[in-house]
Amino acid sequence: MKKMLISIMLLVVIFLVGCQSVVDQNDIPTQGDSDTENNQSDVKTDPNEQTTTDSNEGTTTDPDSNDKTAIEEPLPMQSIEIQGLEKLNEMRGMLSCDDEIRLAQYVQSVSDCGVQSKDDLFAFVKIIDSMPQIPILDGNITWICFSHSISEDTGKVTNVVYVTTEAANGEWTRVEYVLSVTDVSQKISDEKVSIGEGFILNSPVKNSDGNLTLHVETRNPHPSGKGTMVQWIGDVDGIYTRIYYFTNTPGDVDAGTLFNDIQISKTSK
């Protein structure tokens, strides 16, 4: 009887030890569970550590925002040049064209001039027509250019309008309207310092209307070896302007006499 009781007790102890072993085994995490916990611990829960979208994304800041053009009119996005007033008059005529197909065909036909879109065409004609006309010579306007450039070094934008007039005797003038100069007085002061006192006019030369004022005059032989290049720097209708005059008779060119009676108007047909 005692043997039987002892056997039963041994069986009970073995059973209890087996159950405890099963419970302990279930409490041991598997390799997979361990990896999951480690991966979860790497997740960034701090909102400040999450990737965010910049609220300014898609906007640009002009590094030269203070160097805005002196002209408020929209400008072409690239350089455009034409040979003569006849081509400008042709472009003017297209501004009133309501036929979109015909207009698109015309834009394509003048693409070699730099016009890439209808907006370019409209902007070019409008800006040229807004420029002061300085009738120094009795001749024909043979070249009109809007030059748009961006410096690779500074990122600054430069916009200049060039108008060249040629006379029958071989003399010619080129007027450069530097639209990207906003502080004209400061620019003229800088040019005076750069060029030197010897080239500053004793007193500014003005026309009778007072909308043209020249401060600097230089004279140099033309690089071709023939003729003289006279340059004036000043303010015309509030635009920083350089005027170049090629002549074979520089002794006959006097700024006071030449500009006093000039009437400034807009580029005309």
C-alpha atoms as a PDB file:
ATOM      1  CA  MET A   1       0.000   0.000   0.000  1.00  0.00           C
ATOM      2  CA  LYS A   2       2.836   2.286   0.915  1.00  0.00           C
ATOM      3  CA  LYS A   3       4.551   1.563  -2.366  1.00  0.00           C
ATOM      4  CA  MET A   4       1.394   2.517  -4.236  1.00  0.00           C
ATOM      5  CA  LEU A   5       1.111   5.821  -2.362  1.00  0.00           C
ATOM      6  CA  ILE A   6       4.734   6.643  -3.037  1.00  0.00           C
ATOM      7  CA  SER A   7       4.277   5.889  -6.733  1.00  0.00           C
ATOM      8  CA  ILE A   8       1.182   8.128  -6.903  1.00  0.00           C
ATOM      9  CA  MET A   9       3.055  10.961  -5.182  1.00  0.00           C
ATOM     10  CA  LEU A  10       5.964  10.638  -7.585  1.00  0.00           C
ATOM     11  CA  LEU A  11       3.597  10.820 -10.538  1.00  0.00           C
ATOM     12  CA  VAL A  12       1.968  13.968  -9.093  1.00  0.00           C
ATOM     13  CA  VAL A  13       5.376  15.640  -8.581  1.00  0.00           C
ATOM     14  CA  ILE A  14       6.465  14.755 -12.133  1.00  0.00           C
ATOM     15  CA  PHE A  15       3.189  16.128 -13.495  1.00  0.00           C
ATOM     16  CA  LEU A  16       3.569  19.416 -11.600  1.00  0.00           C
ATOM     17  CA  VAL A  17       7.177  19.836 -12.709  1.00  0.00           C
ATOM     18  CA  GLY A  18       6.113  19.234 -16.304  1.00  0.00           C
ATOM     19  CA  CYS A  19       3.392  21.921 -16.131  1.00  0.00           C
ATOM     20  CA  GLN A  20       5.818  24.455 -14.688  1.00  0.00           C
ATOM     21  CA  SER A  21       8.224  23.723 -17.467  1.00  0.00           C
ATOM     22  CA  VAL A  22       5.530  24.390 -20.089  1.00  0.00           C
ATOM     23  CA  VAL A  23       4.579  27.700 -18.443  1.00  0.00           C
ATOM     24  CA  ASP A  24       8.209  28.865 -18.318  1.00  0.00           C
ATOM     25  CA  GLN A  25       8.740  27.929 -21.969  1.00  0.00           C
ATOM     26  CA  ASN A  26       5.743  30.060 -23.070  1.00  0.00           C
ATOM     27  CA  ASP A  27       7.220  33.055 -21.267  1.00  0.00           C
ATOM     28  CA  ILE A  28      10.449  32.972 -23.355  1.00  0.00           C
ATOM     29  CA  PRO A  29      10.232  35.310 -26.368  1.00  0.00           C
ATOM     30  CA  THR A  30      11.067  33.837 -29.758  1.00  0.00           C
ATOM     31  CA  GLN A  31      13.714  35.278 -32.096  1.00  0.00           C
ATOM     32  CA  GLY A  32      10.963  36.708 -34.308  1.00  0.00           C
ATOM     33  CA  ASP A  33       9.306  38.490 -31.387  1.00  0.00           C
ATOM     34  CA  SER A  34      12.643  39.962 -30.370  1.00  0.00           C
ATOM     35  CA  ASP A  35      13.264  41.355 -33.872  1.00  0.00           C
ATOM     36  CA  THR A  36       9.819  42.942 -33.952  1.00  0.00           C
ATOM     37  CA  GLU A  37      10.377  44.719 -30.662  1.00  0.00           C
ATOM     38  CA  ASN A  38      13.779  45.959 -31.780  1.00  0.00           C
ATOM     39  CA  ASN A  39      12.352  47.290 -35.062  1.00  0.00           C
ATOM     40  CA  GLN A  40       9.531  49.091 -33.277  1.00  0.00           C
ATOM     41  CA  SER A  41      12.017  50.801 -30.996  1.00  0.00           C
ATOM     42  CA  ASP A  42      13.649  52.395 -34.084  1.00  0.00           C
ATOM     43  CA  VAL A  43      10.444  54.097 -35.293  1.00  0.00           C
ATOM     44  CA  LYS A  44      10.531  57.890 -34.853  1.00  0.00           C
ATOM     45  CA  THR A  45       7.504  58.973 -32.905  1.00  0.00           C
ATOM     46  CA  ASP A  46       8.586  62.585 -32.344  1.00  0.00           C
ATOM     47  CA  PRO A  47       6.662  64.736 -34.872  1.00  0.00           C
ATOM     48  CA  ASN A  48       9.669  67.029 -35.149  1.00  0.00           C
ATOM     49  CA  GLU A  49      11.709  64.118 -36.479  1.00  0.00           C
ATOM     50  CA  GLN A  50       9.270  63.279 -39.256  1.00  0.00           C
ATOM     51  CA  THR A  51       9.839  64.482 -42.820  1.00  0.00           C
ATOM     52  CA  THR A  52       7.790  67.606 -43.491  1.00  0.00           C
ATOM     53  CA  THR A  53       6.953  69.547 -46.636  1.00  0.00           C
ATOM     54  CA  ASP A  54       8.257  73.079 -46.714  1.00  0.00           C
ATOM     55  CA  SER A  55       5.323  75.476 -46.895  1.00  0.00           C
ATOM     56  CA  ASN A  56       7.379  77.609 -49.304  1.00  0.00           C
ATOM     57  CA  GLU A  57       8.035  74.760 -51.680  1.00  0.00           C
ATOM     58  CA  GLY A  58       7.479  75.820 -55.259  1.00  0.00           C
ATOM     59  CA  THR A  59       8.182  79.496 -54.621  1.00  0.00           C
ATOM     60  CA  THR A  60      11.339  81.268 -55.695  1.00  0.00           C
ATOM     61  CA  THR A  61      13.140  84.257 -54.296  1.00  0.00           C
ATOM     62  CA  ASP A  62      14.938  86.561 -56.660  1.00  0.00           C
ATOM     63  CA  PRO A  63      18.442  87.048 -55.238  1.00  0.00           C
ATOM     64  CA  ASP A  64      18.431  90.474 -56.868  1.00  0.00           C
ATOM     65  CA  SER A  65      14.919  91.471 -55.895  1.00  0.00           C
ATOM     66  CA  ASN A  66      16.181  95.000 -55.233  1.00  0.00           C
ATOM     67  CA  ASP A  67      17.413  95.239 -58.820  1.00  0.00           C
ATOM     68  CA  LYS A  68      13.977  95.349 -60.347  1.00  0.00           C
ATOM     69  CA  THR A  69      13.713  96.810 -63.809  1.00  0.00           C
ATOM     70  CA  ALA A  70      13.104 100.537 -64.044  1.00  0.00           C
ATOM     71  CA  ILE A  71      10.238  99.776 -66.442  1.00  0.00           C
ATOM     72  CA  GLU A  72       7.052  98.376 -64.950  1.00  0.00           C
ATOM     73  CA  GLU A  73       5.846  96.858 -68.230  1.00  0.00           C
ATOM     74  CA  PRO A  74       6.175  93.069 -68.611  1.00  0.00           C
ATOM     75  CA  LEU A  75       9.373  92.247 -70.457  1.00  0.00           C
ATOM     76  CA  PRO A  76      10.182  89.410 -72.866  1.00  0.00           C
ATOM     77  CA  MET A  77      11.834  86.394 -71.260  1.00  0.00           C
ATOM     78  CA  GLN A  78      14.702  86.321 -73.755  1.00  0.00           C
ATOM     79  CA  SER A  79      16.602  88.520 -76.174  1.00  0.00           C
ATOM     80  CA  ILE A  80      14.802  89.664 -79.325  1.00  0.00           C
ATOM     81  CA  GLU A  81      16.230  91.670 -82.211  1.00  0.00           C
ATOM     82  CA  ILE A  82      14.899  92.911 -85.515  1.00  0.00           C
ATOM     83  CA  GLN A  83      16.372  94.668 -88.503  1.00  0.00           C
ATOM     84  CA  GLY A  84      14.637  97.984 -88.999  1.00  0.00           C
ATOM     85  CA  LEU A  85      11.445  99.850 -88.271  1.00  0.00           C
ATOM     86  CA  GLU A  86       9.549  98.031 -91.018  1.00  0.00           C
ATOM     87  CA  LYS A  87       9.687  94.764 -89.072  1.00  0.00           C
ATOM     88  CA  LEU A  88       8.507  96.546 -85.916  1.00  0.00           C
ATOM     89  CA  ASN A  89       5.536  97.999 -87.812  1.00  0.00           C
ATOM     90  CA  GLU A  90       4.737  94.490 -89.072  1.00  0.00           C
ATOM     91  CA  MET A  91       4.760  93.205 -85.500  1.00  0.00           C
ATOM     92  CA  ARG A  92       2.546  96.077 -84.384  1.00  0.00           C
ATOM     93  CA  GLY A  93       0.001  95.067 -86.996  1.00  0.00           C
ATOM     94  CA  MET A  94      -0.161  91.546 -85.583  1.00  0.00           C
ATOM     95  CA  LEU A  95      -1.097  92.746 -82.097  1.00  0.00           C
ATOM     96  CA  SER A  96      -4.675  93.316 -83.217  1.00  0.00           C
ATOM     97  CA  CYS A  97      -4.951  89.945 -84.963  1.00  0.00           C
ATOM     98  CA  ASP A  98      -7.869  87.900 -83.587  1.00  0.00           C
ATOM     99  CA  ASP A  99      -7.052  84.845 -85.668  1.00  0.00           C
ATOM    100  CA  GLU A 100      -5.171  82.579 -83.251  1.00  0.00           C
ATOM    101  CA  ILE A 101      -3.971  80.264 -86.020  1.00  0.00           C
ATOM    102  CA  ARG A 102      -2.626  83.127 -88.097  1.00  0.00           C
ATOM    103  CA  LEU A 103      -1.001  84.679 -85.018  1.00  0.00           C
ATOM    104  CA  ALA A 104       0.644  81.384 -84.082  1.00  0.00           C
ATOM    105  CA  GLN A 105       1.983  81.046 -87.619  1.00  0.00           C
ATOM    106  CA  TYR A 106       3.395  84.572 -87.448  1.00  0.00           C
ATOM    107  CA  VAL A 107       5.099  83.903 -84.111  1.00  0.00           C
ATOM    108  CA  GLN A 108       6.692  80.834 -85.679  1.00  0.00           C
ATOM    109  CA  SER A 109       7.854  82.911 -88.650  1.00  0.00           C
ATOM    110  CA  VAL A 110       9.731  85.381 -86.407  1.00  0.00           C
ATOM    111  CA  SER A 111      11.183  82.786 -84.039  1.00  0.00           C
ATOM    112  CA  ASP A 112      14.623  83.398 -85.540  1.00  0.00           C
ATOM    113  CA  CYS A 113      14.378  86.921 -84.096  1.00  0.00           C
ATOM    114  CA  GLY A 114      14.028  85.442 -80.612  1.00  0.00           C
ATOM    115  CA  VAL A 115      10.229  85.554 -80.316  1.00  0.00           C
ATOM    116  CA  GLN A 116       9.066  82.313 -78.708  1.00  0.00           C
ATOM    117  CA  SER A 117       5.430  83.091 -77.896  1.00  0.00           C
ATOM    118  CA  LYS A 118       2.594  85.519 -78.406  1.00  0.00           C
ATOM    119  CA  ASP A 119       3.408  87.038 -75.008  1.00  0.00           C
ATOM    120  CA  ASP A 120       6.989  87.682 -76.147  1.00  0.00           C
ATOM    121  CA  LEU A 121       5.722  89.416 -79.276  1.00  0.00           C
ATOM    122  CA  PHE A 122       3.340  91.666 -77.355  1.00  0.00           C
ATOM    123  CA  ALA A 123       5.916  92.460 -74.645  1.00  0.00           C
ATOM    124  CA  PHE A 124       8.628  93.288 -77.179  1.00  0.00           C
ATOM    125  CA  VAL A 125       6.508  95.707 -79.199  1.00  0.00           C
ATOM    126  CA  LYS A 126       5.143  97.350 -76.069  1.00  0.00           C
ATOM    127  CA  ILE A 127       8.541  97.926 -74.474  1.00  0.00           C
ATOM    128  CA  ILE A 128      10.076  99.252 -77.681  1.00  0.00           C
ATOM    129  CA  ASP A 129       7.162 101.629 -78.227  1.00  0.00           C
ATOM    130  CA  SER A 130       7.574 102.936 -74.672  1.00  0.00           C
ATOM    131  CA  MET A 131      11.229 103.917 -75.219  1.00  0.00           C
ATOM    132  CA  PRO A 132      12.110 107.593 -75.746  1.00  0.00           C
ATOM    133  CA  GLN A 133      13.035 108.446 -79.310  1.00  0.00           C
ATOM    134  CA  ILE A 134      16.119 110.658 -79.564  1.00  0.00           C
ATOM    135  CA  PRO A 135      16.334 112.007 -83.140  1.00  0.00           C
ATOM    136  CA  ILE A 136      20.059 112.803 -83.262  1.00  0.00           C
ATOM    137  CA  LEU A 137      20.484 111.922 -86.931  1.00  0.00           C
ATOM    138  CA  ASP A 138      18.258 112.304 -89.938  1.00  0.00           C
ATOM    139  CA  GLY A 139      18.344 108.648 -90.931  1.00  0.00           C
ATOM    140  CA  ASN A 140      16.689 105.265 -90.725  1.00  0.00           C
ATOM    141  CA  ILE A 141      16.313 103.017 -87.710  1.00  0.00           C
ATOM    142  CA  THR A 142      18.112  99.893 -88.882  1.00  0.00           C
ATOM    143  CA  TRP A 143      18.448  97.740 -85.740  1.00  0.00           C
ATOM    144  CA  ILE A 144      16.257  97.316 -82.665  1.00  0.00           C
ATOM    145  CA  CYS A 145      17.156  94.886 -79.909  1.00  0.00           C
ATOM    146  CA  PHE A 146      15.909  93.906 -76.472  1.00  0.00           C
ATOM    147  CA  SER A 147      18.762  92.159 -74.666  1.00  0.00           C
ATOM    148  CA  HIS A 148      18.010  89.933 -71.674  1.00  0.00           C
ATOM    149  CA  SER A 149      20.889  88.310 -69.800  1.00  0.00           C
ATOM    150  CA  ILE A 150      21.591  86.719 -66.413  1.00  0.00           C
ATOM    151  CA  SER A 151      25.077  86.763 -64.934  1.00  0.00           C
ATOM    152  CA  GLU A 152      26.373  83.291 -64.136  1.00  0.00           C
ATOM    153  CA  ASP A 153      28.523  84.756 -61.350  1.00  0.00           C
ATOM    154  CA  THR A 154      26.051  87.023 -59.556  1.00  0.00           C
ATOM    155  CA  GLY A 155      22.662  85.908 -60.859  1.00  0.00           C
ATOM    156  CA  LYS A 156      21.807  89.523 -61.653  1.00  0.00           C
ATOM    157  CA  VAL A 157      19.434  90.232 -64.522  1.00  0.00           C
ATOM    158  CA  THR A 158      20.330  92.868 -67.117  1.00  0.00           C
ATOM    159  CA  ASN A 159      17.784  94.229 -69.588  1.00  0.00           C
ATOM    160  CA  VAL A 160      18.853  96.708 -72.272  1.00  0.00           C
ATOM    161  CA  VAL A 161      17.100  98.142 -75.330  1.00  0.00           C
ATOM    162  CA  TYR A 162      19.323  99.111 -78.287  1.00  0.00           C
ATOM    163  CA  VAL A 163      18.171 101.357 -81.134  1.00  0.00           C
ATOM    164  CA  THR A 164      20.549 102.049 -84.032  1.00  0.00           C
ATOM    165  CA  THR A 165      19.974 104.808 -86.602  1.00  0.00           C
ATOM    166  CA  GLU A 166      22.056 105.191 -89.751  1.00  0.00           C
ATOM    167  CA  ALA A 167      22.423 108.305 -91.881  1.00  0.00           C
ATOM    168  CA  ALA A 168      23.121 108.473 -95.608  1.00  0.00           C
ATOM    169  CA  ASN A 169      26.595 109.951 -95.049  1.00  0.00           C
ATOM    170  CA  GLY A 170      27.755 106.890 -93.080  1.00  0.00           C
ATOM    171  CA  GLU A 171      27.304 108.360 -89.609  1.00  0.00           C
ATOM    172  CA  TRP A 172      25.263 106.362 -87.130  1.00  0.00           C
ATOM    173  CA  THR A 173      24.032 106.434 -83.545  1.00  0.00           C
ATOM    174  CA  ARG A 174      23.231 103.678 -81.083  1.00  0.00           C
ATOM    175  CA  VAL A 175      21.129 104.508 -78.053  1.00  0.00           C
ATOM    176  CA  GLU A 176      21.282 102.050 -75.149  1.00  0.00           C
ATOM    177  CA  TYR A 177      18.485 102.195 -72.574  1.00  0.00           C
ATOM    178  CA  VAL A 178      19.608 100.193 -69.535  1.00  0.00           C
ATOM    179  CA  LEU A 179      16.271  99.222 -68.006  1.00  0.00           C
ATOM    180  CA  SER A 180      17.736  97.211 -65.142  1.00  0.00           C
ATOM    181  CA  VAL A 181      19.262 100.305 -63.501  1.00  0.00           C
ATOM    182  CA  THR A 182      16.817 101.536 -60.873  1.00  0.00           C
ATOM    183  CA  ASP A 183      18.951 104.156 -59.125  1.00  0.00           C
ATOM    184  CA  VAL A 184      19.920 106.253 -62.138  1.00  0.00           C
ATOM    185  CA  SER A 185      21.535 109.071 -60.134  1.00  0.00           C
ATOM    186  CA  GLN A 186      23.789 106.640 -58.279  1.00  0.00           C
ATOM    187  CA  LYS A 187      24.736 104.849 -61.489  1.00  0.00           C
ATOM    188  CA  ILE A 188      25.698 108.147 -63.132  1.00  0.00           C
ATOM    189  CA  SER A 189      27.762 109.097 -60.070  1.00  0.00           C
ATOM    190  CA  ASP A 190      29.538 105.751 -60.253  1.00  0.00           C
ATOM    191  CA  GLU A 191      30.283 106.291 -63.954  1.00  0.00           C
ATOM    192  CA  LYS A 192      31.731 109.735 -63.249  1.00  0.00           C
ATOM    193  CA  VAL A 193      34.139 108.226 -60.753  1.00  0.00           C
ATOM    194  CA  SER A 194      35.013 105.359 -63.080  1.00  0.00           C
ATOM    195  CA  ILE A 195      35.594 107.481 -66.191  1.00  0.00           C
ATOM    196  CA  GLY A 196      37.343 110.381 -64.490  1.00  0.00           C
ATOM    197  CA  GLU A 197      36.916 114.121 -64.073  1.00  0.00           C
ATOM    198  CA  GLY A 198      38.306 114.925 -67.508  1.00  0.00           C
ATOM    199  CA  PHE A 199      35.246 113.495 -69.210  1.00  0.00           C
ATOM    200  CA  ILE A 200      32.556 115.104 -67.054  1.00  0.00           C
ATOM    201  CA  LEU A 201      30.744 117.915 -68.849  1.00  0.00           C
ATOM    202  CA  ASN A 202      31.337 121.323 -67.258  1.00  0.00           C
ATOM    203  CA  SER A 203      27.597 121.566 -66.764  1.00  0.00           C
ATOM    204  CA  PRO A 204      24.966 118.928 -67.595  1.00  0.00           C
ATOM    205  CA  VAL A 205      23.571 119.236 -71.098  1.00  0.00           C
ATOM    206  CA  LYS A 206      19.782 119.354 -71.213  1.00  0.00           C
ATOM    207  CA  ASN A 207      17.216 119.598 -73.948  1.00  0.00           C
ATOM    208  CA  SER A 208      14.562 122.288 -73.911  1.00  0.00           C
ATOM    209  CA  ASP A 209      11.955 119.987 -72.321  1.00  0.00           C
ATOM    210  CA  GLY A 210      14.309 118.907 -69.548  1.00  0.00           C
ATOM    211  CA  ASN A 211      13.619 115.195 -70.048  1.00  0.00           C
ATOM    212  CA  LEU A 212      17.149 114.560 -71.354  1.00  0.00           C
ATOM    213  CA  THR A 213      20.188 115.285 -69.208  1.00  0.00           C
ATOM    214  CA  LEU A 214      23.735 114.275 -70.148  1.00  0.00           C
ATOM    215  CA  HIS A 215      26.583 114.295 -67.625  1.00  0.00           C
ATOM    216  CA  VAL A 216      29.548 112.561 -69.308  1.00  0.00           C
ATOM    217  CA  GLU A 217      31.138 112.797 -72.757  1.00  0.00           C
ATOM    218  CA  THR A 218      34.040 110.733 -74.098  1.00  0.00           C
ATOM    219  CA  ARG A 219      35.671 110.741 -77.519  1.00  0.00           C
ATOM    220  CA  ASN A 220      37.832 107.942 -78.874  1.00  0.00           C
ATOM    221  CA  PRO A 221      39.031 106.838 -82.292  1.00  0.00           C
ATOM    222  CA  HIS A 222      36.836 104.127 -83.742  1.00  0.00           C
ATOM    223  CA  PRO A 223      38.511 100.673 -83.559  1.00  0.00           C
ATOM    224  CA  SER A 224      38.394 100.478 -87.357  1.00  0.00           C
ATOM    225  CA  GLY A 225      40.884 103.328 -87.539  1.00  0.00           C
ATOM    226  CA  LYS A 226      38.411 105.568 -89.306  1.00  0.00           C
ATOM    227  CA  GLY A 227      36.140 108.108 -87.661  1.00  0.00           C
ATOM    228  CA  THR A 228      35.491 108.973 -84.024  1.00  0.00           C
ATOM    229  CA  MET A 229      33.164 107.426 -81.475  1.00  0.00           C
ATOM    230  CA  VAL A 230      31.530 109.970 -79.191  1.00  0.00           C
ATOM    231  CA  GLN A 231      29.753 108.636 -76.101  1.00  0.00           C
ATOM    232  CA  TRP A 232      27.368 110.416 -73.775  1.00  0.00           C
ATOM    233  CA  ILE A 233      25.979 109.088 -70.507  1.00  0.00           C
ATOM    234  CA  GLY A 234      22.899 110.476 -68.850  1.00  0.00           C
ATOM    235  CA  ASP A 235      19.247 110.269 -67.922  1.00  0.00           C
ATOM    236  CA  VAL A 236      16.509 110.207 -70.537  1.00  0.00           C
ATOM    237  CA  ASP A 237      12.932 110.069 -69.286  1.00  0.00           C
ATOM    238  CA  GLY A 238      14.206 108.568 -66.023  1.00  0.00           C
ATOM    239  CA  ILE A 239      16.130 105.784 -67.791  1.00  0.00           C
ATOM    240  CA  TYR A 240      19.895 105.353 -67.495  1.00  0.00           C
ATOM    241  CA  THR A 241      21.024 105.890 -71.084  1.00  0.00           C
ATOM    242  CA  ARG A 242      24.226 105.636 -73.107  1.00  0.00           C
ATOM    243  CA  ILE A 243      24.384 107.309 -76.529  1.00  0.00           C
ATOM    244  CA  TYR A 244      27.060 106.398 -79.078  1.00  0.00           C
ATOM    245  CA  TYR A 245      27.645 108.630 -82.097  1.00  0.00           C
ATOM    246  CA  PHE A 246      29.984 107.566 -84.911  1.00  0.00           C
ATOM    247  CA  THR A 247      31.142 110.503 -86.981  1.00  0.00           C
ATOM    248  CA  ASN A 248      33.859 111.405 -89.440  1.00  0.00           C
ATOM    249  CA  THR A 249      33.656 115.088 -88.449  1.00  0.00           C
ATOM    250  CA  PRO A 250      33.942 115.164 -84.628  1.00  0.00           C
ATOM    251  CA  GLY A 251      34.741 118.871 -84.671  1.00  0.00           C
ATOM    252  CA  ASP A 252      31.198 119.558 -85.823  1.00  0.00           C
ATOM    253  CA  VAL A 253      29.640 117.633 -82.931  1.00  0.00           C
ATOM    254  CA  ASP A 254      28.803 119.815 -79.953  1.00  0.00           C
ATOM    255  CA  ALA A 255      26.591 118.336 -77.233  1.00  0.00           C
ATOM    256  CA  GLY A 256      24.933 121.625 -76.299  1.00  0.00           C
ATOM    257  CA  THR A 257      24.032 122.461 -79.879  1.00  0.00           C
ATOM    258  CA  LEU A 258      23.068 118.908 -80.791  1.00  0.00           C
ATOM    259  CA  PHE A 259      20.744 118.147 -77.873  1.00  0.00           C
ATOM    260  CA  ASN A 260      19.325 121.527 -76.899  1.00  0.00           C
ATOM    261  CA  ASP A 261      16.504 121.475 -79.441  1.00  0.00           C
ATOM    262  CA  ILE A 262      15.873 117.723 -79.513  1.00  0.00           C
ATOM    263  CA  GLN A 263      12.242 116.825 -78.777  1.00  0.00           C
ATOM    264  CA  ILE A 264      11.896 113.479 -77.009  1.00  0.00           C
ATOM    265  CA  SER A 265       8.991 111.345 -78.177  1.00  0.00           C
ATOM    266  CA  LYS A 266       8.160 107.661 -78.253  1.00  0.00           C
ATOM    267  CA  THR A 267       9.345 105.357 -81.009  1.00  0.00           C
ATOM    268  CA  SER A 268       6.990 106.144 -83.881  1.00  0.00           C
ATOM    269  CA  LYS A 269       5.797 104.330 -86.950  1.00  0.00           C
END
